[in-house]
N, C-alpha and C. Protein backbone atom coordinates (compact mmCIF):
# COMPACT_ATOMS: atom_id res chain seq x y z
N MET A 1 24.49 3.46 -8.90
CA MET A 1 23.89 3.64 -9.78
C MET A 1 23.92 5.47 -9.99
N GLU A 2 24.38 5.68 -10.83
CA GLU A 2 24.42 7.18 -11.03
C GLU A 2 22.90 8.18 -10.76
N LYS A 3 22.99 9.08 -10.40
CA LYS A 3 21.59 9.93 -9.73
C LYS A 3 21.05 10.18 -11.47
N ASN A 4 21.62 10.64 -12.61
CA ASN A 4 20.95 10.50 -13.63
C ASN A 4 20.28 9.45 -14.19
N GLU A 5 20.58 8.00 -13.68
CA GLU A 5 19.98 7.04 -14.30
C GLU A 5 18.74 6.67 -13.83
N ILE A 6 18.53 6.95 -12.33
CA ILE A 6 17.20 6.91 -11.39
C ILE A 6 16.44 7.96 -12.60
N GLY A 7 16.71 9.10 -12.49
CA GLY A 7 16.15 10.01 -13.26
C GLY A 7 15.47 9.66 -14.63
N LYS A 8 16.45 9.14 -15.55
CA LYS A 8 16.06 8.19 -16.67
C LYS A 8 14.87 7.54 -16.69
N ARG A 9 15.17 6.51 -15.69
CA ARG A 9 14.03 5.43 -15.73
C ARG A 9 12.55 6.01 -15.20
N ILE A 10 12.67 6.96 -14.11
CA ILE A 10 11.47 7.57 -13.85
C ILE A 10 10.92 8.21 -15.05
N LYS A 11 11.78 9.13 -15.83
CA LYS A 11 11.40 9.76 -16.93
C LYS A 11 10.68 8.70 -17.95
N ASN A 12 11.28 7.76 -18.26
CA ASN A 12 10.95 6.48 -19.11
C ASN A 12 9.56 5.93 -19.21
N ILE A 13 9.53 5.53 -17.64
CA ILE A 13 8.15 5.06 -16.97
C ILE A 13 7.03 6.19 -17.29
N ARG A 14 7.29 7.21 -16.95
CA ARG A 14 6.22 8.31 -16.62
C ARG A 14 5.66 8.45 -18.22
N LEU A 15 6.61 8.54 -19.27
CA LEU A 15 6.19 8.67 -20.60
C LEU A 15 5.52 7.41 -21.19
N LYS A 16 6.06 6.32 -20.81
CA LYS A 16 5.49 5.05 -21.18
C LYS A 16 3.63 5.10 -20.67
N LYS A 17 3.56 5.39 -19.62
CA LYS A 17 2.58 5.60 -18.91
C LYS A 17 1.60 6.54 -19.64
N LYS A 18 2.16 7.57 -20.36
CA LYS A 18 1.62 8.85 -21.02
C LYS A 18 1.02 9.84 -19.73
N MET A 19 1.96 10.02 -18.84
CA MET A 19 1.40 10.99 -17.72
C MET A 19 2.48 12.04 -17.91
N THR A 20 2.00 13.25 -17.40
CA THR A 20 2.95 14.48 -17.16
C THR A 20 3.82 14.40 -15.93
N GLN A 21 4.38 15.24 -15.82
CA GLN A 21 5.42 15.36 -14.55
C GLN A 21 4.37 16.04 -13.33
N GLN A 22 3.47 16.79 -13.90
CA GLN A 22 2.61 17.42 -12.82
C GLN A 22 1.73 16.43 -12.16
N GLU A 23 1.45 15.40 -13.08
CA GLU A 23 0.54 14.14 -12.32
C GLU A 23 1.12 13.62 -11.70
N VAL A 24 2.36 13.14 -11.99
CA VAL A 24 3.20 12.28 -11.04
C VAL A 24 3.57 12.78 -9.85
N ALA A 25 3.57 14.28 -9.77
CA ALA A 25 3.90 15.22 -8.72
C ALA A 25 2.83 15.06 -7.80
N ASP A 26 1.82 15.34 -8.19
CA ASP A 26 0.36 15.41 -7.53
C ASP A 26 0.11 14.10 -6.54
N LEU A 27 0.45 13.15 -7.72
CA LEU A 27 -0.03 11.95 -6.87
C LEU A 27 1.43 11.14 -5.82
N ALA A 28 2.50 11.72 -5.93
CA ALA A 28 3.63 11.69 -5.25
C ALA A 28 3.37 12.64 -3.79
N GLY A 29 2.88 13.63 -4.25
CA GLY A 29 2.74 14.71 -3.10
C GLY A 29 4.04 15.43 -2.98
N ILE A 30 4.76 15.78 -4.04
CA ILE A 30 5.86 16.49 -4.36
C ILE A 30 5.94 17.45 -5.18
N THR A 31 6.71 18.39 -5.85
CA THR A 31 6.31 19.42 -6.60
C THR A 31 7.04 19.03 -8.12
N LYS A 32 6.23 19.73 -9.04
CA LYS A 32 6.66 19.25 -10.43
C LYS A 32 8.16 19.45 -10.59
N SER A 33 8.57 20.94 -9.85
CA SER A 33 9.84 21.07 -10.05
C SER A 33 10.88 20.21 -9.48
N HIS A 34 10.68 19.34 -8.43
CA HIS A 34 11.39 18.26 -7.79
C HIS A 34 11.50 17.21 -8.84
N ILE A 35 10.26 16.59 -9.45
CA ILE A 35 10.19 15.60 -10.35
C ILE A 35 11.16 15.99 -11.55
N SER A 36 11.39 17.39 -12.05
CA SER A 36 11.94 17.72 -13.30
C SER A 36 13.34 17.50 -12.81
N LYS A 37 13.52 18.22 -11.53
CA LYS A 37 15.42 18.05 -11.07
C LYS A 37 15.59 16.36 -11.26
N ILE A 38 14.88 15.97 -10.63
CA ILE A 38 15.27 14.20 -10.57
C ILE A 38 15.35 13.79 -12.06
N GLU A 39 14.59 13.79 -12.91
CA GLU A 39 14.62 13.66 -14.31
C GLU A 39 15.62 13.71 -14.85
N ASN A 40 16.19 14.98 -14.67
CA ASN A 40 17.29 15.54 -15.48
C ASN A 40 18.35 15.46 -14.54
N GLY A 41 18.58 14.54 -13.44
CA GLY A 41 19.95 14.21 -12.87
C GLY A 41 20.52 15.28 -12.13
N LEU A 42 19.41 16.31 -11.87
CA LEU A 42 20.00 17.42 -11.21
C LEU A 42 20.10 17.20 -9.75
N THR A 43 19.27 16.21 -9.17
CA THR A 43 19.14 15.89 -7.71
C THR A 43 18.73 14.25 -7.64
N THR A 44 19.29 13.66 -6.57
CA THR A 44 18.67 12.46 -6.48
C THR A 44 17.79 12.16 -5.41
N PRO A 45 16.71 11.44 -5.47
CA PRO A 45 15.78 11.48 -4.75
C PRO A 45 15.94 10.72 -3.46
N ALA A 46 15.56 11.13 -2.07
CA ALA A 46 15.68 10.38 -0.94
C ALA A 46 14.61 9.12 -1.30
N LEU A 47 15.08 8.10 -0.46
CA LEU A 47 14.32 6.80 -0.47
C LEU A 47 12.85 6.85 -0.48
N VAL A 48 12.37 7.39 0.38
CA VAL A 48 11.08 7.90 0.71
C VAL A 48 10.43 8.41 -0.20
N THR A 49 11.14 9.61 -1.03
CA THR A 49 10.58 10.11 -1.97
C THR A 49 10.43 9.01 -3.38
N LEU A 50 11.67 8.55 -3.66
CA LEU A 50 11.54 7.53 -4.61
C LEU A 50 10.53 6.31 -4.95
N SER A 51 10.00 6.06 -3.21
CA SER A 51 9.00 5.00 -3.08
C SER A 51 7.50 5.82 -3.44
N LYS A 52 7.56 7.19 -3.20
CA LYS A 52 6.15 7.68 -3.45
C LYS A 52 5.88 7.96 -5.14
N ILE A 53 7.17 8.25 -5.58
CA ILE A 53 7.38 8.33 -7.01
C ILE A 53 6.76 6.81 -7.76
N ALA A 54 7.37 6.09 -7.15
CA ALA A 54 7.33 4.58 -7.80
C ALA A 54 5.71 4.23 -7.60
N LYS A 55 5.13 4.41 -6.36
CA LYS A 55 3.64 4.31 -6.22
C LYS A 55 2.68 5.02 -7.10
N ALA A 56 3.08 6.23 -7.41
CA ALA A 56 2.35 7.14 -8.42
C ALA A 56 2.49 6.48 -9.89
N LEU A 57 3.80 6.13 -9.93
CA LEU A 57 3.82 5.09 -11.53
C LEU A 57 3.36 4.07 -11.45
N ASP A 58 2.68 3.44 -10.27
CA ASP A 58 2.33 2.03 -10.08
C ASP A 58 3.44 0.83 -10.41
N SER A 59 4.85 0.99 -10.06
CA SER A 59 5.93 0.46 -10.41
C SER A 59 6.60 0.07 -8.94
N PRO A 60 7.21 -1.07 -8.96
CA PRO A 60 8.10 -1.36 -7.69
C PRO A 60 9.22 -0.55 -7.75
N THR A 61 9.55 -0.02 -6.54
CA THR A 61 10.56 0.85 -6.42
C THR A 61 11.92 0.49 -6.50
N SER A 62 12.04 -1.17 -6.50
CA SER A 62 13.34 -1.87 -6.97
C SER A 62 13.60 -1.54 -8.39
N TRP A 63 12.35 -1.24 -8.99
CA TRP A 63 13.08 -1.20 -10.51
C TRP A 63 13.68 -0.20 -11.14
N PHE A 64 13.58 0.91 -10.22
CA PHE A 64 14.66 2.07 -10.07
C PHE A 64 15.83 2.18 -9.60
N ILE A 65 16.29 1.09 -8.67
CA ILE A 65 17.49 1.01 -8.26
C ILE A 65 18.05 -0.34 -7.94
N GLU A 66 17.60 -1.62 -8.63
CA GLU A 66 18.45 -2.77 -8.28
C GLU A 66 18.30 -3.35 -9.41
N GLN A 67 19.07 -3.12 -10.30
CA GLN A 67 19.23 -3.90 -11.57
C GLN A 67 20.40 -3.73 -12.27
N GLU A 68 20.83 -4.75 -12.86
CA GLU A 68 22.39 -4.75 -13.49
C GLU A 68 22.04 -4.34 -14.75
N GLU A 69 22.43 -3.23 -15.62
CA GLU A 69 22.09 -3.24 -17.12
C GLU A 69 23.25 -3.36 -17.73
N HIS A 70 23.22 -3.82 -18.75
CA HIS A 70 24.41 -4.28 -19.70
C HIS A 70 23.89 -4.17 -21.16
N GLY A 71 23.76 -2.68 -21.61
CA GLY A 71 23.29 -2.21 -22.76
C GLY A 71 21.80 -2.78 -22.83
N GLU A 72 21.07 -3.87 -23.71
CA GLU A 72 20.09 -4.26 -24.00
C GLU A 72 19.46 -5.13 -23.11
N LEU A 73 20.56 -5.79 -22.15
CA LEU A 73 20.49 -6.78 -21.24
C LEU A 73 19.92 -6.30 -19.48
N THR A 74 19.09 -6.89 -19.01
CA THR A 74 18.82 -6.53 -17.67
C THR A 74 18.57 -7.50 -16.88
N ILE A 75 19.88 -7.75 -15.75
CA ILE A 75 19.58 -8.92 -14.83
C ILE A 75 18.80 -8.26 -13.51
N VAL A 76 18.37 -9.02 -12.86
CA VAL A 76 17.40 -8.99 -11.79
C VAL A 76 17.74 -10.21 -10.92
N ARG A 77 18.60 -10.02 -9.81
CA ARG A 77 19.38 -11.19 -9.05
C ARG A 77 17.90 -11.63 -8.17
N LYS A 78 18.11 -13.05 -7.78
CA LYS A 78 16.80 -13.69 -7.21
C LYS A 78 16.50 -12.43 -5.86
N GLU A 79 17.46 -12.24 -5.24
CA GLU A 79 17.51 -11.40 -3.86
C GLU A 79 17.01 -10.10 -3.96
N ASN A 80 17.00 -9.70 -5.28
CA ASN A 80 16.57 -8.40 -5.52
C ASN A 80 15.12 -8.33 -6.15
N ARG A 81 14.54 -9.41 -6.37
CA ARG A 81 12.83 -9.25 -6.73
C ARG A 81 12.07 -8.83 -6.03
N GLU A 82 11.09 -8.32 -6.52
CA GLU A 82 10.11 -7.54 -5.93
C GLU A 82 9.21 -8.71 -5.59
N ILE A 83 8.72 -8.73 -4.12
CA ILE A 83 7.72 -9.80 -3.86
C ILE A 83 6.65 -9.40 -3.22
N GLY A 84 5.34 -9.80 -3.57
CA GLY A 84 4.31 -9.26 -3.13
C GLY A 84 3.10 -10.35 -2.73
N LYS A 85 2.31 -9.90 -1.78
CA LYS A 85 1.25 -10.73 -1.36
C LYS A 85 -0.29 -10.33 -2.05
N GLU A 86 -0.99 -11.60 -2.63
CA GLU A 86 -2.24 -10.92 -3.27
C GLU A 86 -3.04 -10.37 -2.08
N ASP A 87 -3.82 -9.32 -2.10
CA ASP A 87 -4.52 -8.65 -1.02
C ASP A 87 -5.81 -9.06 -1.37
N ASN A 88 -6.31 -9.84 -2.51
CA ASN A 88 -7.90 -9.96 -2.38
C ASN A 88 -8.13 -11.48 -2.09
N GLY A 89 -7.36 -12.11 -1.38
CA GLY A 89 -7.93 -13.37 -0.67
C GLY A 89 -7.63 -14.54 -1.43
N ILE A 90 -7.13 -14.38 -2.73
CA ILE A 90 -6.87 -15.68 -3.75
C ILE A 90 -5.68 -16.56 -2.88
N GLY A 91 -4.89 -16.04 -2.47
CA GLY A 91 -3.87 -16.90 -1.80
C GLY A 91 -2.73 -17.07 -2.54
N TYR A 92 -2.23 -16.09 -3.21
CA TYR A 92 -1.33 -16.13 -4.38
C TYR A 92 -0.01 -15.15 -3.41
N ASP A 93 1.29 -15.40 -3.94
CA ASP A 93 2.63 -14.78 -3.50
C ASP A 93 2.92 -14.76 -5.14
N TYR A 94 3.57 -13.27 -5.38
CA TYR A 94 4.07 -12.92 -6.69
C TYR A 94 5.59 -12.63 -6.37
N GLU A 95 6.35 -13.18 -7.40
CA GLU A 95 7.88 -12.48 -7.35
C GLU A 95 8.09 -11.93 -8.97
N LEU A 96 8.10 -10.58 -8.81
CA LEU A 96 8.31 -9.80 -10.31
C LEU A 96 9.68 -10.44 -10.58
N LEU A 97 9.73 -11.15 -11.95
CA LEU A 97 11.18 -11.25 -12.56
C LEU A 97 11.98 -10.61 -13.34
N ALA A 98 11.35 -9.32 -13.73
CA ALA A 98 12.01 -8.43 -14.52
C ALA A 98 11.88 -7.04 -14.05
N ASN A 99 11.09 -7.07 -12.93
CA ASN A 99 11.14 -5.37 -12.48
C ASN A 99 11.06 -4.22 -13.29
N LYS A 100 10.00 -4.59 -14.40
CA LYS A 100 9.94 -3.53 -15.41
C LYS A 100 8.40 -3.44 -15.82
N VAL A 101 7.63 -3.51 -14.64
CA VAL A 101 6.12 -3.16 -15.00
C VAL A 101 6.10 -2.02 -15.64
N GLY A 102 5.06 -1.93 -16.40
CA GLY A 102 4.88 -0.69 -17.23
C GLY A 102 5.69 -0.14 -18.37
N MET A 103 7.09 -0.96 -18.47
CA MET A 103 8.11 -0.55 -19.32
C MET A 103 8.17 -1.57 -20.30
N SER A 104 7.28 -2.57 -20.40
CA SER A 104 7.47 -3.53 -21.40
C SER A 104 5.96 -4.16 -21.31
N VAL A 105 5.92 -4.69 -22.72
CA VAL A 105 4.27 -5.36 -22.97
C VAL A 105 4.54 -6.49 -22.50
N ILE A 106 5.67 -7.19 -21.57
CA ILE A 106 5.25 -8.55 -21.16
C ILE A 106 5.79 -8.24 -19.65
N SER A 107 4.98 -9.08 -18.58
CA SER A 107 5.61 -9.15 -17.26
C SER A 107 5.51 -10.34 -16.77
N PRO A 108 6.82 -10.82 -16.81
CA PRO A 108 7.01 -12.18 -16.23
C PRO A 108 6.88 -12.30 -14.79
N THR A 109 6.20 -13.28 -14.10
CA THR A 109 6.13 -13.25 -12.89
C THR A 109 6.02 -14.90 -12.41
N ILE A 110 6.51 -14.98 -11.05
CA ILE A 110 6.58 -16.30 -10.47
C ILE A 110 5.26 -16.31 -9.46
N VAL A 111 4.13 -17.03 -9.62
CA VAL A 111 3.11 -16.94 -8.77
C VAL A 111 2.88 -18.10 -7.74
N THR A 112 3.51 -18.20 -6.62
CA THR A 112 3.08 -19.17 -5.77
C THR A 112 1.49 -19.42 -5.28
N VAL A 113 0.98 -20.58 -5.59
CA VAL A 113 -0.46 -20.90 -5.31
C VAL A 113 -0.65 -21.75 -4.16
N LEU A 114 -0.89 -20.69 -2.92
CA LEU A 114 -0.91 -21.49 -1.72
C LEU A 114 -2.14 -22.39 -1.77
N PRO A 115 -1.79 -23.66 -0.94
CA PRO A 115 -3.01 -24.46 -0.89
C PRO A 115 -4.08 -24.02 -0.43
N GLU A 116 -4.39 -23.00 0.10
CA GLU A 116 -5.58 -22.42 0.77
C GLU A 116 -6.44 -21.90 -0.37
N ALA A 117 -5.62 -21.61 -1.51
CA ALA A 117 -6.30 -20.78 -2.74
C ALA A 117 -7.08 -22.03 -3.59
N VAL A 118 -8.38 -22.21 -3.03
CA VAL A 118 -9.18 -23.20 -3.62
C VAL A 118 -10.52 -22.53 -4.03
N SER A 119 -11.33 -21.79 -3.60
CA SER A 119 -12.53 -21.30 -4.33
C SER A 119 -12.43 -19.81 -4.16
N ILE A 120 -12.24 -19.26 -5.20
CA ILE A 120 -12.29 -17.92 -5.41
C ILE A 120 -13.08 -17.84 -7.12
N LYS A 121 -13.66 -16.53 -7.06
CA LYS A 121 -14.42 -16.42 -8.27
C LYS A 121 -13.29 -15.70 -9.13
N PRO A 122 -13.51 -16.45 -10.31
CA PRO A 122 -12.69 -15.76 -11.72
C PRO A 122 -12.61 -14.50 -11.86
N TYR A 123 -11.89 -13.82 -12.68
CA TYR A 123 -11.39 -12.49 -13.05
C TYR A 123 -11.29 -12.28 -14.50
N ILE A 124 -10.98 -11.22 -14.95
CA ILE A 124 -10.65 -10.96 -16.27
C ILE A 124 -10.01 -9.74 -16.26
N HIS A 125 -8.89 -9.68 -17.32
CA HIS A 125 -8.30 -8.57 -17.74
C HIS A 125 -7.89 -8.32 -19.16
N THR A 126 -7.33 -7.31 -19.64
CA THR A 126 -7.27 -7.09 -20.95
C THR A 126 -6.01 -7.83 -21.57
N ASN A 127 -4.98 -8.58 -20.65
CA ASN A 127 -3.84 -8.87 -21.44
C ASN A 127 -4.10 -10.61 -21.69
N ASP A 128 -3.35 -10.63 -22.58
CA ASP A 128 -2.97 -12.41 -22.86
C ASP A 128 -2.22 -12.80 -21.86
N GLU A 129 -2.33 -14.08 -21.47
CA GLU A 129 -1.46 -14.79 -20.18
C GLU A 129 -0.70 -15.91 -20.63
N PHE A 130 0.04 -16.19 -20.53
CA PHE A 130 0.91 -17.78 -20.74
C PHE A 130 1.20 -18.02 -19.14
N ILE A 131 0.67 -19.46 -19.01
CA ILE A 131 1.18 -19.96 -17.55
C ILE A 131 2.02 -21.16 -17.98
N PHE A 132 2.94 -21.51 -16.86
CA PHE A 132 4.06 -22.73 -16.85
C PHE A 132 3.91 -23.21 -15.47
N VAL A 133 3.50 -24.25 -15.23
CA VAL A 133 3.70 -24.71 -13.88
C VAL A 133 4.89 -25.50 -13.80
N LEU A 134 5.73 -24.70 -12.76
CA LEU A 134 7.11 -25.18 -12.39
C LEU A 134 7.05 -26.33 -11.17
N SER A 135 6.29 -26.12 -10.52
CA SER A 135 5.97 -27.54 -9.47
C SER A 135 4.65 -27.36 -8.99
N GLY A 136 4.14 -28.47 -8.41
CA GLY A 136 3.11 -28.76 -7.73
C GLY A 136 2.08 -29.04 -9.20
N SER A 137 0.85 -28.80 -8.59
CA SER A 137 -0.40 -28.90 -9.87
C SER A 137 -1.38 -27.64 -9.12
N ILE A 138 -2.12 -27.49 -10.51
CA ILE A 138 -3.37 -26.23 -10.24
C ILE A 138 -4.40 -27.05 -10.94
N THR A 139 -5.54 -25.99 -10.68
CA THR A 139 -6.87 -26.50 -11.57
C THR A 139 -6.99 -24.91 -12.19
N LEU A 140 -6.67 -24.78 -13.56
CA LEU A 140 -7.13 -23.91 -14.30
C LEU A 140 -8.57 -23.63 -14.55
N LEU A 141 -9.37 -22.61 -14.10
CA LEU A 141 -10.84 -22.47 -14.48
C LEU A 141 -10.79 -21.48 -15.66
N TYR A 142 -11.26 -21.85 -16.77
CA TYR A 142 -11.02 -21.00 -17.69
C TYR A 142 -12.35 -20.86 -18.51
N ASP A 143 -13.07 -19.72 -18.50
CA ASP A 143 -14.35 -19.77 -19.57
C ASP A 143 -15.46 -20.91 -18.94
N GLY A 144 -15.34 -21.12 -17.71
CA GLY A 144 -16.18 -22.10 -17.20
C GLY A 144 -15.87 -23.51 -17.09
N ILE A 145 -14.72 -23.70 -17.74
CA ILE A 145 -14.21 -25.03 -17.82
C ILE A 145 -12.95 -25.46 -16.76
N LYS A 146 -12.91 -26.53 -16.45
CA LYS A 146 -11.74 -26.64 -15.43
C LYS A 146 -10.94 -27.62 -16.09
N TYR A 147 -9.61 -27.17 -15.86
CA TYR A 147 -8.48 -28.02 -16.66
C TYR A 147 -7.08 -28.12 -15.38
N GLU A 148 -6.74 -29.57 -15.43
CA GLU A 148 -6.02 -29.86 -14.38
C GLU A 148 -4.68 -29.90 -15.04
N LEU A 149 -3.75 -28.95 -14.54
CA LEU A 149 -2.12 -28.93 -14.96
C LEU A 149 -1.49 -29.25 -13.76
N ALA A 150 -0.37 -30.25 -14.20
CA ALA A 150 0.60 -30.40 -13.52
C ALA A 150 2.34 -29.96 -13.83
N LYS A 151 2.92 -30.20 -13.03
CA LYS A 151 4.52 -29.56 -13.44
C LYS A 151 4.67 -30.11 -14.72
N GLY A 152 5.40 -28.99 -15.43
CA GLY A 152 5.76 -29.01 -16.98
C GLY A 152 4.46 -28.64 -18.02
N ASP A 153 3.43 -28.38 -17.60
CA ASP A 153 2.10 -28.30 -18.42
C ASP A 153 2.10 -26.59 -18.50
N SER A 154 1.62 -26.21 -19.52
CA SER A 154 1.27 -24.87 -19.85
C SER A 154 0.35 -24.35 -20.51
N ALA A 155 -0.31 -23.27 -20.62
CA ALA A 155 -1.38 -22.75 -21.20
C ALA A 155 -1.15 -21.42 -21.54
N TYR A 156 -1.61 -20.93 -22.87
CA TYR A 156 -1.58 -19.64 -23.23
C TYR A 156 -3.33 -19.42 -23.47
N PHE A 157 -3.71 -18.08 -22.94
CA PHE A 157 -4.76 -17.91 -22.95
C PHE A 157 -5.56 -15.96 -23.04
N SER A 158 -6.49 -15.76 -23.33
CA SER A 158 -7.06 -14.55 -23.48
C SER A 158 -7.41 -14.11 -22.07
N GLY A 159 -6.92 -13.13 -21.32
CA GLY A 159 -7.40 -12.92 -19.83
C GLY A 159 -8.94 -12.17 -20.22
N LYS A 160 -9.32 -11.75 -21.41
CA LYS A 160 -10.68 -11.17 -21.44
C LYS A 160 -11.66 -12.29 -20.92
N LYS A 161 -11.36 -13.55 -20.95
CA LYS A 161 -12.39 -14.65 -20.50
C LYS A 161 -12.32 -14.80 -18.87
N PRO A 162 -13.57 -15.13 -18.19
CA PRO A 162 -13.27 -15.30 -16.62
C PRO A 162 -12.14 -16.70 -16.46
N HIS A 163 -11.20 -16.61 -15.58
CA HIS A 163 -10.23 -17.11 -15.44
C HIS A 163 -9.55 -17.12 -13.81
N ILE A 164 -9.14 -18.14 -13.53
CA ILE A 164 -8.20 -18.05 -12.20
C ILE A 164 -7.59 -19.75 -12.37
N PHE A 165 -6.42 -19.43 -11.70
CA PHE A 165 -6.11 -21.02 -11.42
C PHE A 165 -5.81 -21.17 -9.85
N LEU A 166 -6.08 -22.29 -9.32
CA LEU A 166 -6.19 -22.62 -7.84
C LEU A 166 -5.52 -23.96 -7.34
N ALA A 167 -4.91 -23.88 -6.45
CA ALA A 167 -4.02 -25.21 -6.03
C ALA A 167 -5.13 -26.63 -6.13
N SER A 168 -4.70 -27.40 -6.69
CA SER A 168 -5.27 -28.82 -6.74
C SER A 168 -4.72 -29.94 -5.83
N SER A 169 -4.15 -29.62 -4.76
CA SER A 169 -3.37 -30.24 -4.01
C SER A 169 -2.84 -29.76 -2.77
N ILE A 170 -2.62 -30.38 -1.81
CA ILE A 170 -2.27 -29.54 -0.35
C ILE A 170 -0.63 -29.27 -0.62
N GLU A 171 -0.17 -29.35 -1.81
CA GLU A 171 1.33 -29.10 -2.22
C GLU A 171 1.12 -27.37 -2.67
N THR A 172 2.11 -26.66 -2.30
CA THR A 172 2.10 -25.45 -2.82
C THR A 172 2.76 -25.78 -4.37
N ALA A 173 1.84 -24.77 -5.01
CA ALA A 173 2.26 -24.94 -6.73
C ALA A 173 3.17 -23.52 -7.22
N MET A 174 4.21 -23.56 -7.80
CA MET A 174 4.77 -22.55 -8.21
C MET A 174 4.33 -22.40 -9.94
N VAL A 175 3.96 -21.15 -10.31
CA VAL A 175 3.48 -21.23 -11.97
C VAL A 175 4.56 -19.92 -12.27
N LEU A 176 5.22 -19.92 -13.50
CA LEU A 176 5.51 -18.95 -14.32
C LEU A 176 4.47 -18.60 -14.74
N THR A 177 4.18 -17.06 -14.99
CA THR A 177 2.98 -16.39 -15.65
C THR A 177 3.72 -15.16 -16.05
N ILE A 178 3.38 -15.17 -17.24
CA ILE A 178 3.71 -13.92 -18.31
C ILE A 178 2.42 -13.51 -18.85
N TYR A 179 2.30 -11.88 -18.55
CA TYR A 179 1.08 -11.35 -18.85
C TYR A 179 1.70 -10.65 -20.17
N ILE A 180 0.94 -10.48 -21.19
CA ILE A 180 1.46 -10.05 -22.43
C ILE A 180 0.20 -8.74 -22.66
N GLU A 181 0.60 -7.63 -22.51
CA GLU A 181 0.06 -6.62 -22.77
C GLU A 181 -0.40 -5.96 -24.13
N GLU A 182 -1.69 -5.40 -24.45
CA GLU A 182 -1.97 -5.15 -25.80
C GLU A 182 -1.31 -3.60 -26.15
N GLU A 183 -0.46 -3.35 -26.91
CA GLU A 183 -0.11 -2.35 -27.36
C GLU A 183 -1.09 -1.31 -27.94
């Protein structure tokens, strides 16, 4: 990938998040001048610098470097997916399918629901959410009502009401989850 392409991606996500170069620089611990040079393709950031910028933009580092772009088409290979573990004790693992967090109004993700995810307080967020059970089964708790969903079942709902999905068997469940942001 050309150095100016990384800079373009940084600038695009910064503008999408309505942040100034100075705000990103402050959060990343680098100078505004360095951000400007990167965005304008005058320099290529070191991986550690890119990682700090990605963190400041609340985006996966891989989004800036590990995609194939073909005009309007972006391909993310399985081995290049950003994978994360939930840190609030729910028992989820995540795989970001598009690596475009913050750049699009949708965020497709595969959520692996581990069997130990059984009793967690529901949460809310501002996005609509679509889920499709790829394997296993889950219990969707939505606005105080439990719904059992098995492989092939789906649900679409507002994230503004308390909700969570949990394992409903000893089998690990995989759920395609798409968050749809309000614009």
